[in-house]
Amino acid sequence: MFRQQYGSSPYRYLCGVRIQRAQTLLLEGVPGSVVATEVGFFDQSHFGRHFKRCCGMTPSMFIARGGQCR
């Protein structure tokens, strides 16, 4: 039922919400290691993998591009 309502699995939806919050924090200058734990990922590596899958680039590339995904 969740998939029908939101178009993705609950876990994928939650990851997307976490990544959106992470993007905001990164643009505010919060270090990636702090962002990872703040938004609920186990560690910076886990965060980086999900961020890259969602945005198509690493968090550092995201910052370098001024917050523009793909």
PDB file of N, CA and C in Angstrom:
ATOM      1  N   MET A   1       0.816  -1.181   0.000  1.00  0.00           N
ATOM      2  CA  MET A   1       0.000   0.000   0.000  1.00  0.00           C
ATOM      3  C   MET A   1       0.880   1.273   0.000  1.00  0.00           C
ATOM      4  N   PHE A   2       1.972   1.248   0.779  1.00  0.00           N
ATOM      5  CA  PHE A   2       2.875   2.403   0.818  1.00  0.00           C
ATOM      6  C   PHE A   2       3.436   2.683  -0.571  1.00  0.00           C
ATOM      7  N   ARG A   3       3.854   1.631  -1.258  1.00  0.00           N
ATOM      8  CA  ARG A   3       4.425   1.788  -2.602  1.00  0.00           C
ATOM      9  C   ARG A   3       3.415   2.430  -3.561  1.00  0.00           C
ATOM     10  N   GLN A   4       2.165   2.052  -3.457  1.00  0.00           N
ATOM     11  CA  GLN A   4       1.129   2.633  -4.314  1.00  0.00           C
ATOM     12  C   GLN A   4       0.933   4.117  -4.010  1.00  0.00           C
ATOM     13  N   GLN A   5       1.006   4.467  -2.735  1.00  0.00           N
ATOM     14  CA  GLN A   5       0.781   5.851  -2.316  1.00  0.00           C
ATOM     15  C   GLN A   5       1.957   6.769  -2.657  1.00  0.00           C
ATOM     16  N   TYR A   6       3.197   6.285  -2.436  1.00  0.00           N
ATOM     17  CA  TYR A   6       4.377   7.141  -2.563  1.00  0.00           C
ATOM     18  C   TYR A   6       5.299   6.781  -3.730  1.00  0.00           C
ATOM     19  N   GLY A   7       5.033   5.684  -4.400  1.00  0.00           N
ATOM     20  CA  GLY A   7       5.808   5.331  -5.580  1.00  0.00           C
ATOM     21  C   GLY A   7       7.144   4.656  -5.323  1.00  0.00           C
ATOM     22  N   SER A   8       7.416   4.282  -4.084  1.00  0.00           N
ATOM     23  CA  SER A   8       8.655   3.561  -3.765  1.00  0.00           C
ATOM     24  C   SER A   8       8.453   2.780  -2.473  1.00  0.00           C
ATOM     25  N   SER A   9       9.432   1.950  -2.178  1.00  0.00           N
ATOM     26  CA  SER A   9       9.354   1.187  -0.931  1.00  0.00           C
ATOM     27  C   SER A   9       9.569   2.130   0.250  1.00  0.00           C
ATOM     28  N   PRO A  10       9.134   1.737   1.435  1.00  0.00           N
ATOM     29  CA  PRO A  10       9.340   2.597   2.606  1.00  0.00           C
ATOM     30  C   PRO A  10      10.824   2.920   2.845  1.00  0.00           C
ATOM     31  N   TYR A  11      11.694   1.936   2.669  1.00  0.00           N
ATOM     32  CA  TYR A  11      13.122   2.166   2.898  1.00  0.00           C
ATOM     33  C   TYR A  11      13.694   3.163   1.889  1.00  0.00           C
ATOM     34  N   ARG A  12      13.360   3.008   0.628  1.00  0.00           N
ATOM     35  CA  ARG A  12      13.864   3.931  -0.403  1.00  0.00           C
ATOM     36  C   ARG A  12      13.329   5.347  -0.172  1.00  0.00           C
ATOM     37  N   TYR A  13      12.083   5.443   0.230  1.00  0.00           N
ATOM     38  CA  TYR A  13      11.493   6.740   0.547  1.00  0.00           C
ATOM     39  C   TYR A  13      12.245   7.401   1.705  1.00  0.00           C
ATOM     40  N   LEU A  14      12.491   6.637   2.760  1.00  0.00           N
ATOM     41  CA  LEU A  14      13.214   7.158   3.917  1.00  0.00           C
ATOM     42  C   LEU A  14      14.620   7.614   3.526  1.00  0.00           C
ATOM     43  N   CYS A  15      15.305   6.849   2.702  1.00  0.00           N
ATOM     44  CA  CYS A  15      16.638   7.242   2.240  1.00  0.00           C
ATOM     45  C   CYS A  15      16.578   8.562   1.479  1.00  0.00           C
ATOM     46  N   GLY A  16      15.554   8.734   0.662  1.00  0.00           N
ATOM     47  CA  GLY A  16      15.394   9.972  -0.086  1.00  0.00           C
ATOM     48  C   GLY A  16      15.189  11.173   0.824  1.00  0.00           C
ATOM     49  N   VAL A  17      14.401  10.993   1.863  1.00  0.00           N
ATOM     50  CA  VAL A  17      14.167  12.067   2.832  1.00  0.00           C
ATOM     51  C   VAL A  17      15.475  12.405   3.547  1.00  0.00           C
ATOM     52  N   ARG A  18      16.228  11.368   3.923  1.00  0.00           N
ATOM     53  CA  ARG A  18      17.513  11.587   4.591  1.00  0.00           C
ATOM     54  C   ARG A  18      18.486  12.330   3.683  1.00  0.00           C
ATOM     55  N   ILE A  19      18.522  11.959   2.415  1.00  0.00           N
ATOM     56  CA  ILE A  19      19.434  12.603   1.464  1.00  0.00           C
ATOM     57  C   ILE A  19      19.053  14.069   1.264  1.00  0.00           C
ATOM     58  N   GLN A  20      17.776  14.366   1.193  1.00  0.00           N
ATOM     59  CA  GLN A  20      17.341  15.765   1.049  1.00  0.00           C
ATOM     60  C   GLN A  20      17.803  16.601   2.243  1.00  0.00           C
ATOM     61  N   ARG A  21      17.673  16.057   3.420  1.00  0.00           N
ATOM     62  CA  ARG A  21      18.132  16.767   4.628  1.00  0.00           C
ATOM     63  C   ARG A  21      19.651  16.899   4.604  1.00  0.00           C
ATOM     64  N   ALA A  22      20.332  15.859   4.163  1.00  0.00           N
ATOM     65  CA  ALA A  22      21.788  15.882   4.087  1.00  0.00           C
ATOM     66  C   ALA A  22      22.263  16.969   3.126  1.00  0.00           C
ATOM     67  N   GLN A  23      21.586  17.127   2.012  1.00  0.00           N
ATOM     68  CA  GLN A  23      21.963  18.157   1.041  1.00  0.00           C
ATOM     69  C   GLN A  23      21.905  19.544   1.684  1.00  0.00           C
ATOM     70  N   THR A  24      20.870  19.788   2.439  1.00  0.00           N
ATOM     71  CA  THR A  24      20.730  21.075   3.121  1.00  0.00           C
ATOM     72  C   THR A  24      21.882  21.291   4.096  1.00  0.00           C
ATOM     73  N   LEU A  25      22.184  20.279   4.887  1.00  0.00           N
ATOM     74  CA  LEU A  25      23.257  20.395   5.867  1.00  0.00           C
ATOM     75  C   LEU A  25      24.612  20.592   5.197  1.00  0.00           C
ATOM     76  N   LEU A  26      24.860  19.864   4.119  1.00  0.00           N
ATOM     77  CA  LEU A  26      26.130  20.007   3.406  1.00  0.00           C
ATOM     78  C   LEU A  26      26.304  21.426   2.877  1.00  0.00           C
ATOM     79  N   LEU A  27      25.252  21.990   2.331  1.00  0.00           N
ATOM     80  CA  LEU A  27      25.321  23.348   1.795  1.00  0.00           C
ATOM     81  C   LEU A  27      25.476  24.398   2.898  1.00  0.00           C
ATOM     82  N   GLU A  28      25.096  24.035   4.119  1.00  0.00           N
ATOM     83  CA  GLU A  28      25.289  24.935   5.259  1.00  0.00           C
ATOM     84  C   GLU A  28      26.701  24.836   5.824  1.00  0.00           C
ATOM     85  N   GLY A  29      27.506  23.916   5.279  1.00  0.00           N
ATOM     86  CA  GLY A  29      28.890  23.791   5.713  1.00  0.00           C
ATOM     87  C   GLY A  29      29.153  22.749   6.774  1.00  0.00           C
ATOM     88  N   VAL A  30      28.176  21.924   7.076  1.00  0.00           N
ATOM     89  CA  VAL A  30      28.368  20.867   8.068  1.00  0.00           C
ATOM     90  C   VAL A  30      29.229  19.773   7.441  1.00  0.00           C
ATOM     91  N   PRO A  31      30.263  19.286   8.146  1.00  0.00           N
ATOM     92  CA  PRO A  31      31.127  18.230   7.597  1.00  0.00           C
ATOM     93  C   PRO A  31      30.352  16.944   7.293  1.00  0.00           C
ATOM     94  N   GLY A  32      30.788  16.238   6.264  1.00  0.00           N
ATOM     95  CA  GLY A  32      30.110  15.018   5.826  1.00  0.00           C
ATOM     96  C   GLY A  32      29.973  13.961   6.899  1.00  0.00           C
ATOM     97  N   SER A  33      30.999  13.811   7.737  1.00  0.00           N
ATOM     98  CA  SER A  33      30.937  12.804   8.798  1.00  0.00           C
ATOM     99  C   SER A  33      29.844  13.140   9.808  1.00  0.00           C
ATOM    100  N   VAL A  34      29.646  14.403  10.083  1.00  0.00           N
ATOM    101  CA  VAL A  34      28.599  14.832  11.006  1.00  0.00           C
ATOM    102  C   VAL A  34      27.229  14.688  10.337  1.00  0.00           C
ATOM    103  N   VAL A  35      27.156  15.050   9.079  1.00  0.00           N
ATOM    104  CA  VAL A  35      25.900  14.931   8.324  1.00  0.00           C
ATOM    105  C   VAL A  35      25.433  13.479   8.316  1.00  0.00           C
ATOM    106  N   ALA A  36      26.353  12.567   8.072  1.00  0.00           N
ATOM    107  CA  ALA A  36      26.001  11.142   7.989  1.00  0.00           C
ATOM    108  C   ALA A  36      25.275  10.670   9.237  1.00  0.00           C
ATOM    109  N   THR A  37      25.824  10.960  10.395  1.00  0.00           N
ATOM    110  CA  THR A  37      25.178  10.513  11.632  1.00  0.00           C
ATOM    111  C   THR A  37      23.936  11.338  11.947  1.00  0.00           C
ATOM    112  N   GLU A  38      23.962  12.606  11.602  1.00  0.00           N
ATOM    113  CA  GLU A  38      22.826  13.490  11.882  1.00  0.00           C
ATOM    114  C   GLU A  38      21.558  13.042  11.151  1.00  0.00           C
ATOM    115  N   VAL A  39      21.698  12.565   9.916  1.00  0.00           N
ATOM    116  CA  VAL A  39      20.516  12.177   9.140  1.00  0.00           C
ATOM    117  C   VAL A  39      20.167  10.694   9.266  1.00  0.00           C
ATOM    118  N   GLY A  40      20.976   9.947  10.021  1.00  0.00           N
ATOM    119  CA  GLY A  40      20.589   8.575  10.340  1.00  0.00           C
ATOM    120  C   GLY A  40      21.309   7.461   9.623  1.00  0.00           C
ATOM    121  N   PHE A  41      22.427   7.754   8.960  1.00  0.00           N
ATOM    122  CA  PHE A  41      23.203   6.687   8.338  1.00  0.00           C
ATOM    123  C   PHE A  41      24.210   6.141   9.339  1.00  0.00           C
ATOM    124  N   PHE A  42      24.616   4.885   9.147  1.00  0.00           N
ATOM    125  CA  PHE A  42      25.505   4.211  10.088  1.00  0.00           C
ATOM    126  C   PHE A  42      26.862   4.889  10.168  1.00  0.00           C
ATOM    127  N   ASP A  43      27.419   5.242   9.021  1.00  0.00           N
ATOM    128  CA  ASP A  43      28.710   5.916   8.976  1.00  0.00           C
ATOM    129  C   ASP A  43      28.836   6.701   7.675  1.00  0.00           C
ATOM    130  N   GLN A  44      29.971   7.359   7.491  1.00  0.00           N
ATOM    131  CA  GLN A  44      30.157   8.215   6.322  1.00  0.00           C
ATOM    132  C   GLN A  44      30.182   7.405   5.026  1.00  0.00           C
ATOM    133  N   SER A  45      30.723   6.202   5.068  1.00  0.00           N
ATOM    134  CA  SER A  45      30.771   5.351   3.882  1.00  0.00           C
ATOM    135  C   SER A  45      29.361   4.947   3.442  1.00  0.00           C
ATOM    136  N   HIS A  46      28.548   4.550   4.393  1.00  0.00           N
ATOM    137  CA  HIS A  46      27.156   4.171   4.122  1.00  0.00           C
ATOM    138  C   HIS A  46      26.403   5.370   3.534  1.00  0.00           C
ATOM    139  N   PHE A  47      26.612   6.527   4.109  1.00  0.00           N
ATOM    140  CA  PHE A  47      26.001   7.758   3.617  1.00  0.00           C
ATOM    141  C   PHE A  47      26.448   8.058   2.191  1.00  0.00           C
ATOM    142  N   GLY A  48      27.747   7.954   1.935  1.00  0.00           N
ATOM    143  CA  GLY A  48      28.286   8.245   0.610  1.00  0.00           C
ATOM    144  C   GLY A  48      27.705   7.360  -0.475  1.00  0.00           C
ATOM    145  N   ARG A  49      27.556   6.072  -0.181  1.00  0.00           N
ATOM    146  CA  ARG A  49      26.973   5.139  -1.158  1.00  0.00           C
ATOM    147  C   ARG A  49      25.545   5.522  -1.500  1.00  0.00           C
ATOM    148  N   HIS A  50      24.743   5.805  -0.503  1.00  0.00           N
ATOM    149  CA  HIS A  50      23.346   6.173  -0.749  1.00  0.00           C
ATOM    150  C   HIS A  50      23.242   7.535  -1.435  1.00  0.00           C
ATOM    151  N   PHE A  51      24.081   8.461  -1.050  1.00  0.00           N
ATOM    152  CA  PHE A  51      24.073   9.781  -1.665  1.00  0.00           C
ATOM    153  C   PHE A  51      24.398   9.669  -3.147  1.00  0.00           C
ATOM    154  N   LYS A  52      25.422   8.888  -3.473  1.00  0.00           N
ATOM    155  CA  LYS A  52      25.818   8.727  -4.873  1.00  0.00           C
ATOM    156  C   LYS A  52      24.721   8.033  -5.673  1.00  0.00           C
ATOM    157  N   ARG A  53      24.083   7.047  -5.095  1.00  0.00           N
ATOM    158  CA  ARG A  53      23.003   6.339  -5.786  1.00  0.00           C
ATOM    159  C   ARG A  53      21.833   7.289  -6.061  1.00  0.00           C
ATOM    160  N   CYS A  54      21.542   8.151  -5.122  1.00  0.00           N
ATOM    161  CA  CYS A  54      20.399   9.068  -5.254  1.00  0.00           C
ATOM    162  C   CYS A  54      20.714  10.260  -6.154  1.00  0.00           C
ATOM    163  N   CYS A  55      21.893  10.840  -6.005  1.00  0.00           N
ATOM    164  CA  CYS A  55      22.230  12.095  -6.696  1.00  0.00           C
ATOM    165  C   CYS A  55      23.155  11.918  -7.889  1.00  0.00           C
ATOM    166  N   GLY A  56      23.776  10.757  -8.017  1.00  0.00           N
ATOM    167  CA  GLY A  56      24.680  10.536  -9.137  1.00  0.00           C
ATOM    168  C   GLY A  56      26.065  11.130  -8.943  1.00  0.00           C
ATOM    169  N   MET A  57      26.373  11.554  -7.721  1.00  0.00           N
ATOM    170  CA  MET A  57      27.689  12.115  -7.414  1.00  0.00           C
ATOM    171  C   MET A  57      27.943  11.992  -5.915  1.00  0.00           C
ATOM    172  N   THR A  58      29.198  12.154  -5.552  1.00  0.00           N
ATOM    173  CA  THR A  58      29.555  12.082  -4.140  1.00  0.00           C
ATOM    174  C   THR A  58      29.142  13.374  -3.435  1.00  0.00           C
ATOM    175  N   PRO A  59      29.067  13.340  -2.113  1.00  0.00           N
ATOM    176  CA  PRO A  59      28.740  14.563  -1.390  1.00  0.00           C
ATOM    177  C   PRO A  59      29.725  15.703  -1.660  1.00  0.00           C
ATOM    178  N   SER A  60      31.009  15.403  -1.786  1.00  0.00           N
ATOM    179  CA  SER A  60      31.990  16.466  -2.062  1.00  0.00           C
ATOM    180  C   SER A  60      31.786  17.067  -3.450  1.00  0.00           C
ATOM    181  N   MET A  61      31.423  16.255  -4.424  1.00  0.00           N
ATOM    182  CA  MET A  61      31.121  16.783  -5.759  1.00  0.00           C
ATOM    183  C   MET A  61      29.871  17.658  -5.712  1.00  0.00           C
ATOM    184  N   PHE A  62      28.894  17.252  -4.921  1.00  0.00           N
ATOM    185  CA  PHE A  62      27.664  18.014  -4.747  1.00  0.00           C
ATOM    186  C   PHE A  62      27.975  19.413  -4.208  1.00  0.00           C
ATOM    187  N   ILE A  63      28.837  19.482  -3.209  1.00  0.00           N
ATOM    188  CA  ILE A  63      29.233  20.769  -2.636  1.00  0.00           C
ATOM    189  C   ILE A  63      29.974  21.606  -3.659  1.00  0.00           C
ATOM    190  N   ALA A  64      30.902  20.964  -4.385  1.00  0.00           N
ATOM    191  CA  ALA A  64      31.689  21.685  -5.393  1.00  0.00           C
ATOM    192  C   ALA A  64      30.811  22.274  -6.489  1.00  0.00           C
ATOM    193  N   ARG A  65      29.724  21.609  -6.814  1.00  0.00           N
ATOM    194  CA  ARG A  65      28.812  22.095  -7.858  1.00  0.00           C
ATOM    195  C   ARG A  65      27.773  23.068  -7.313  1.00  0.00           C
ATOM    196  N   GLY A  66      27.892  23.407  -6.067  1.00  0.00           N
ATOM    197  CA  GLY A  66      26.968  24.381  -5.481  1.00  0.00           C
ATOM    198  C   GLY A  66      25.581  23.845  -5.226  1.00  0.00           C
ATOM    199  N   GLY A  67      25.463  22.548  -5.046  1.00  0.00           N
ATOM    200  CA  GLY A  67      24.166  21.967  -4.713  1.00  0.00           C
ATOM    201  C   GLY A  67      23.331  21.506  -5.871  1.00  0.00           C
ATOM    202  N   GLN A  68      23.950  21.336  -7.026  1.00  0.00           N
ATOM    203  CA  GLN A  68      23.214  20.885  -8.213  1.00  0.00           C
ATOM    204  C   GLN A  68      23.444  19.387  -8.432  1.00  0.00           C
ATOM    205  N   CYS A  69      22.395  18.599  -8.325  1.00  0.00           N
ATOM    206  CA  CYS A  69      22.482  17.164  -8.634  1.00  0.00           C
ATOM    207  C   CYS A  69      22.390  16.964 -10.131  1.00  0.00           C
ATOM    208  N   ARG A  70      23.211  16.095 -10.644  1.00  0.00           N
ATOM    209  CA  ARG A  70      23.255  15.703 -12.060  1.00  0.00           C
ATOM    210  C   ARG A  70      23.168  16.870 -12.944  1.00  0.00           C
TER     211      ARG A  70
END
